[in-house]
């Protein structure tokens, strides 16, 4: 979601997402909501991605009932939305946007990203070796030579949108430069261009903004829950061995 600031030459628009984040977008790539529409099964639409922050993706309608619309998103996720969160999209535009998304996902191959290591729930640098399955399953190669399949929602890197970070934002930030390990935290202040981050383990550190990615509060909470679960599993394993 964004606000139009003004039109500029070439039929483009400035869009405002926050006070510090503007982007020029062609008018053909702008959908202006004009209130709830009527839908029928198989209509091509934009649907709100669950757990996202105003992120809409290509979808098609699979069911309609009252003020609710069931849609199948481009990655086969099925969600039930209010009509207010579904917007008509021409078949041509639907296919164009879908091609663009698929190209971006394939373009990750060969890139270095910060990815979740499922063994402990923490995040480390790794290289995308392969786009394993549509839409967002990748093979990550770690520094020690091992590999792991990981969902794209747990990858951060060159394709991740950057934001101006402020106090109160939840972030994935570099916690251990020595090991390249990042973990969830929250920005609690700043000092001389660096961000003060309170990590989920209770430690506070100053971190360069370039080593931080903004995450949603919900993602922060589920990431911390996963880390705690892995710690408990580890402690339980040691207890059994003892």
Protein backbone atom coordinates (compact mmCIF):
# COMPACT_ATOMS: atom_id res chain seq x y z
CA UNK A 1 0.00 0.00 0.00
CA UNK A 2 1.22 3.49 -0.81
CA UNK A 3 0.05 7.06 -1.25
CA UNK A 4 0.39 8.93 -4.54
CA UNK A 5 2.33 12.16 -4.06
CA UNK A 6 2.25 13.63 -7.54
CA UNK A 7 2.51 12.75 -11.21
CA UNK A 8 5.78 13.21 -13.04
CA UNK A 9 6.87 13.09 -16.68
CA UNK A 10 6.38 9.95 -18.72
CA UNK A 11 3.14 8.90 -17.07
CA UNK A 12 4.84 7.86 -13.83
CA UNK A 13 3.95 8.62 -10.24
CA UNK A 14 5.80 9.19 -7.01
CA UNK A 15 4.54 6.83 -4.35
CA UNK A 16 4.94 7.39 -0.63
CA UNK A 17 5.17 4.45 1.75
CA UNK A 18 6.75 6.34 4.63
CA UNK A 19 8.24 9.76 5.19
CA UNK A 20 11.62 8.57 3.88
CA UNK A 21 10.69 6.01 1.23
CA UNK A 22 9.58 7.16 -2.22
CA UNK A 23 9.64 5.29 -5.49
CA UNK A 24 8.71 6.16 -9.07
CA UNK A 25 6.18 3.73 -10.54
CA UNK A 26 4.55 3.72 -13.99
CA UNK A 27 0.81 4.32 -13.90
CA UNK A 28 0.16 0.92 -15.51
CA UNK A 29 1.59 -0.68 -12.36
CA UNK A 30 -0.73 1.19 -10.01
CA UNK A 31 -4.05 -0.22 -8.81
CA UNK A 32 -6.28 2.38 -7.19
CA UNK A 33 -8.91 0.77 -4.91
CA UNK A 34 -12.37 2.09 -5.62
CA UNK A 35 -14.33 0.16 -3.01
CA UNK A 36 -15.53 -3.48 -2.90
CA UNK A 37 -16.14 -5.04 -6.33
CA UNK A 38 -18.25 -7.96 -7.40
CA UNK A 39 -16.26 -11.12 -8.15
CA UNK A 40 -16.85 -14.51 -9.69
CA UNK A 41 -14.86 -17.74 -9.60
CA UNK A 42 -11.70 -17.67 -11.79
CA UNK A 43 -11.47 -13.86 -11.83
CA UNK A 44 -7.85 -12.71 -11.83
CA UNK A 45 -7.18 -10.35 -8.92
CA UNK A 46 -4.64 -8.96 -6.48
CA UNK A 47 -4.95 -10.61 -3.07
CA UNK A 48 -3.41 -9.51 0.22
CA UNK A 49 -0.64 -11.89 1.26
CA UNK A 50 -1.27 -13.26 4.79
CA UNK A 51 1.05 -11.91 7.47
CA UNK A 52 2.37 -9.21 5.16
CA UNK A 53 2.42 -5.46 5.57
CA UNK A 54 0.07 -4.34 2.80
CA UNK A 55 1.64 -6.69 0.22
CA UNK A 56 -0.58 -7.77 -2.67
CA UNK A 57 0.18 -10.57 -5.13
CA UNK A 58 -1.48 -12.10 -8.20
CA UNK A 59 -4.30 -14.50 -7.41
CA UNK A 60 -7.51 -15.95 -8.80
CA UNK A 61 -10.88 -16.23 -7.14
CA UNK A 62 -11.96 -19.69 -6.01
CA UNK A 63 -15.07 -18.80 -4.05
CA UNK A 64 -17.40 -15.92 -3.20
CA UNK A 65 -19.75 -15.62 -0.23
CA UNK A 66 -21.29 -12.40 1.04
CA UNK A 67 -18.50 -9.91 1.75
CA UNK A 68 -15.84 -12.62 1.75
CA UNK A 69 -13.78 -13.82 -1.21
CA UNK A 70 -11.61 -16.95 -1.25
CA UNK A 71 -8.55 -16.57 -3.45
CA UNK A 72 -5.67 -18.80 -4.47
CA UNK A 73 -2.49 -16.73 -4.44
CA UNK A 74 0.28 -17.17 -6.99
CA UNK A 75 2.15 -19.58 -4.69
CA UNK A 76 -0.97 -21.76 -4.19
CA UNK A 77 -1.70 -20.31 -0.74
CA UNK A 78 -5.48 -20.19 -0.29
CA UNK A 79 -6.89 -17.38 1.86
CA UNK A 80 -10.31 -15.99 2.67
CA UNK A 81 -10.33 -12.20 2.43
CA UNK A 82 -12.72 -9.33 2.82
CA UNK A 83 -13.76 -7.88 -0.55
CA UNK A 84 -11.93 -4.72 0.52
CA UNK A 85 -8.64 -6.64 0.37
CA UNK A 86 -9.16 -8.02 -3.15
CA UNK A 87 -8.72 -5.89 -6.26
CA UNK A 88 -9.57 -6.70 -9.90
CA UNK A 89 -6.61 -7.32 -12.22
CA UNK A 90 -6.74 -7.96 -15.95
CA UNK A 91 -5.55 -11.36 -17.16
CA UNK A 92 -2.76 -9.68 -19.13
CA UNK A 93 -1.51 -7.74 -16.10
CA UNK A 94 -1.88 -10.82 -13.89
CA UNK A 95 0.40 -12.80 -16.22
CA UNK A 96 2.88 -9.92 -16.51
CA UNK A 97 3.21 -9.52 -12.74
CA UNK A 98 3.49 -13.27 -12.24
CA UNK A 99 6.32 -13.47 -14.80
CA UNK A 100 8.13 -10.65 -13.02
CA UNK A 101 7.85 -12.41 -9.64
CA UNK A 102 9.11 -15.71 -11.06
CA UNK A 103 12.06 -13.93 -12.72
CA UNK A 104 12.96 -12.26 -9.41
CA UNK A 105 12.79 -15.59 -7.59
CA UNK A 106 15.03 -17.30 -10.16
CA UNK A 107 17.44 -14.35 -9.99
CA UNK A 108 18.30 -15.26 -6.39
CA UNK A 109 20.29 -18.27 -7.57
CA UNK A 110 23.99 -17.58 -7.09
CA UNK A 111 23.39 -14.74 -4.63
CA UNK A 112 24.64 -14.62 -1.03
CA UNK A 113 21.78 -14.24 1.44
CA UNK A 114 21.16 -14.32 5.17
CA UNK A 115 19.14 -17.49 5.71
CA UNK A 116 17.63 -19.30 8.67
CA UNK A 117 19.48 -22.43 9.69
CA UNK A 118 16.77 -24.77 10.89
CA UNK A 119 19.06 -26.58 13.32
CA UNK A 120 19.11 -23.63 15.73
CA UNK A 121 16.69 -21.09 14.24
CA UNK A 122 19.41 -18.45 13.85
CA UNK A 123 20.41 -16.79 10.57
CA UNK A 124 23.74 -17.11 8.75
CA UNK A 125 25.24 -16.15 5.38
CA UNK A 126 24.70 -18.75 2.69
CA UNK A 127 24.66 -19.00 -1.07
CA UNK A 128 21.52 -19.81 -3.03
CA UNK A 129 22.53 -22.89 -5.00
CA UNK A 130 19.23 -23.77 -6.64
CA UNK A 131 15.61 -22.70 -6.99
CA UNK A 132 14.22 -26.08 -6.02
CA UNK A 133 10.47 -25.66 -6.37
CA UNK A 134 7.87 -23.08 -7.29
CA UNK A 135 7.36 -20.69 -5.81
CA UNK A 136 9.85 -20.13 -2.98
CA UNK A 137 11.93 -23.14 -1.99
CA UNK A 138 15.68 -22.72 -2.37
CA UNK A 139 18.74 -24.87 -1.74
CA UNK A 140 21.16 -22.96 0.50
CA UNK A 141 24.85 -23.79 0.63
CA UNK A 142 26.58 -23.07 3.94
CA UNK A 143 30.21 -22.17 4.59
CA UNK A 144 30.98 -25.67 5.93
CA UNK A 145 29.87 -27.29 2.66
CA UNK A 146 26.50 -28.56 3.88
CA UNK A 147 23.22 -27.62 2.24
CA UNK A 148 19.64 -27.07 3.36
CA UNK A 149 16.31 -26.44 1.66
CA UNK A 150 14.74 -23.21 2.90
CA UNK A 151 11.59 -21.25 2.19
CA UNK A 152 12.07 -17.82 0.65
CA UNK A 153 10.31 -16.17 3.59
CA UNK A 154 13.41 -17.00 5.68
CA UNK A 155 15.91 -15.44 3.25
CA UNK A 156 17.15 -11.85 3.44
CA UNK A 157 19.52 -10.21 1.00
CA UNK A 158 19.82 -8.34 -2.30
CA UNK A 159 16.12 -8.79 -3.17
CA UNK A 160 14.85 -7.66 0.25
CA UNK A 161 13.28 -4.22 0.30
CA UNK A 162 15.18 -1.81 2.52
CA UNK A 163 13.46 0.58 4.92
CA UNK A 164 14.49 3.54 7.02
CA UNK A 165 14.70 1.99 10.50
CA UNK A 166 13.40 3.72 13.60
CA UNK A 167 13.15 3.08 17.30
CA UNK A 168 10.55 0.40 17.94
CA UNK A 169 11.06 -1.43 14.63
CA UNK A 170 11.60 -5.17 14.75
CA UNK A 171 14.66 -6.28 12.82
CA UNK A 172 16.84 -9.18 11.85
CA UNK A 173 20.30 -7.86 12.74
CA UNK A 174 23.91 -9.00 12.82
CA UNK A 175 24.54 -10.20 16.39
CA UNK A 176 27.91 -11.93 15.96
CA UNK A 177 30.24 -10.53 13.28
CA UNK A 178 32.76 -13.27 14.09
CA UNK A 179 30.37 -16.03 13.04
CA UNK A 180 28.20 -13.93 10.72
CA UNK A 181 25.19 -14.81 12.85
CA UNK A 182 22.05 -12.68 12.81
CA UNK A 183 19.06 -12.92 15.10
CA UNK A 184 15.74 -11.14 15.71
CA UNK A 185 15.77 -7.96 17.77
CA UNK A 186 14.19 -4.57 18.23
CA UNK A 187 15.64 -1.12 17.62
CA UNK A 188 15.75 0.71 20.96
CA UNK A 189 17.88 3.72 20.00
CA UNK A 190 20.75 4.99 17.87
CA UNK A 191 24.26 6.35 18.34
CA UNK A 192 26.51 8.04 15.76
CA UNK A 193 24.76 6.47 12.77
CA UNK A 194 24.52 3.02 14.32
CA UNK A 195 21.35 1.38 15.62
CA UNK A 196 21.09 0.11 19.16
CA UNK A 197 19.40 -3.26 18.91
CA UNK A 198 18.03 -5.28 21.81
CA UNK A 199 18.29 -8.88 20.66
CA UNK A 200 15.86 -11.60 21.60
CA UNK A 201 18.45 -13.06 24.02
CA UNK A 202 18.39 -9.80 26.02
CA UNK A 203 21.73 -8.43 24.83
CA UNK A 204 22.07 -4.90 23.46
CA UNK A 205 24.52 -4.03 20.66
CA UNK A 206 25.23 -1.22 18.22
CA UNK A 207 24.72 -2.46 14.65
CA UNK A 208 25.29 -0.82 11.28
CA UNK A 209 21.93 -0.17 9.56
CA UNK A 210 23.20 -2.05 6.48
CA UNK A 211 23.34 -5.19 8.64
CA UNK A 212 19.68 -4.91 9.64
CA UNK A 213 16.50 -5.94 7.85
CA UNK A 214 13.12 -4.76 9.06
CA UNK A 215 10.72 -7.60 9.89
CA UNK A 216 7.10 -7.63 10.97
CA UNK A 217 6.25 -8.06 14.63
CA UNK A 218 4.52 -11.34 13.81
CA UNK A 219 7.65 -12.66 12.06
CA UNK A 220 9.76 -11.56 15.04
CA UNK A 221 7.49 -13.45 17.45
CA UNK A 222 7.40 -16.67 15.42
CA UNK A 223 11.17 -16.51 14.84
CA UNK A 224 11.81 -16.17 18.57
CA UNK A 225 9.40 -19.02 19.33
CA UNK A 226 11.31 -21.23 16.88
CA UNK A 227 14.67 -20.34 18.45
CA UNK A 228 13.32 -21.10 21.95
CA UNK A 229 11.95 -24.42 20.70
CA UNK A 230 15.35 -25.39 19.31
CA UNK A 231 17.10 -24.41 22.58
CA UNK A 232 14.63 -26.53 24.54
CA UNK A 233 15.16 -29.46 22.16
CA UNK A 234 18.91 -29.14 22.63
CA UNK A 235 18.62 -28.99 26.41
CA UNK A 236 16.22 -31.94 26.39
CA UNK A 237 18.67 -33.97 24.30
CA UNK A 238 21.54 -33.27 26.71
CA UNK A 239 19.29 -34.15 29.66
CA UNK A 240 18.40 -37.52 28.10
CA UNK A 241 22.03 -38.28 27.36
CA UNK A 242 22.96 -37.48 30.95
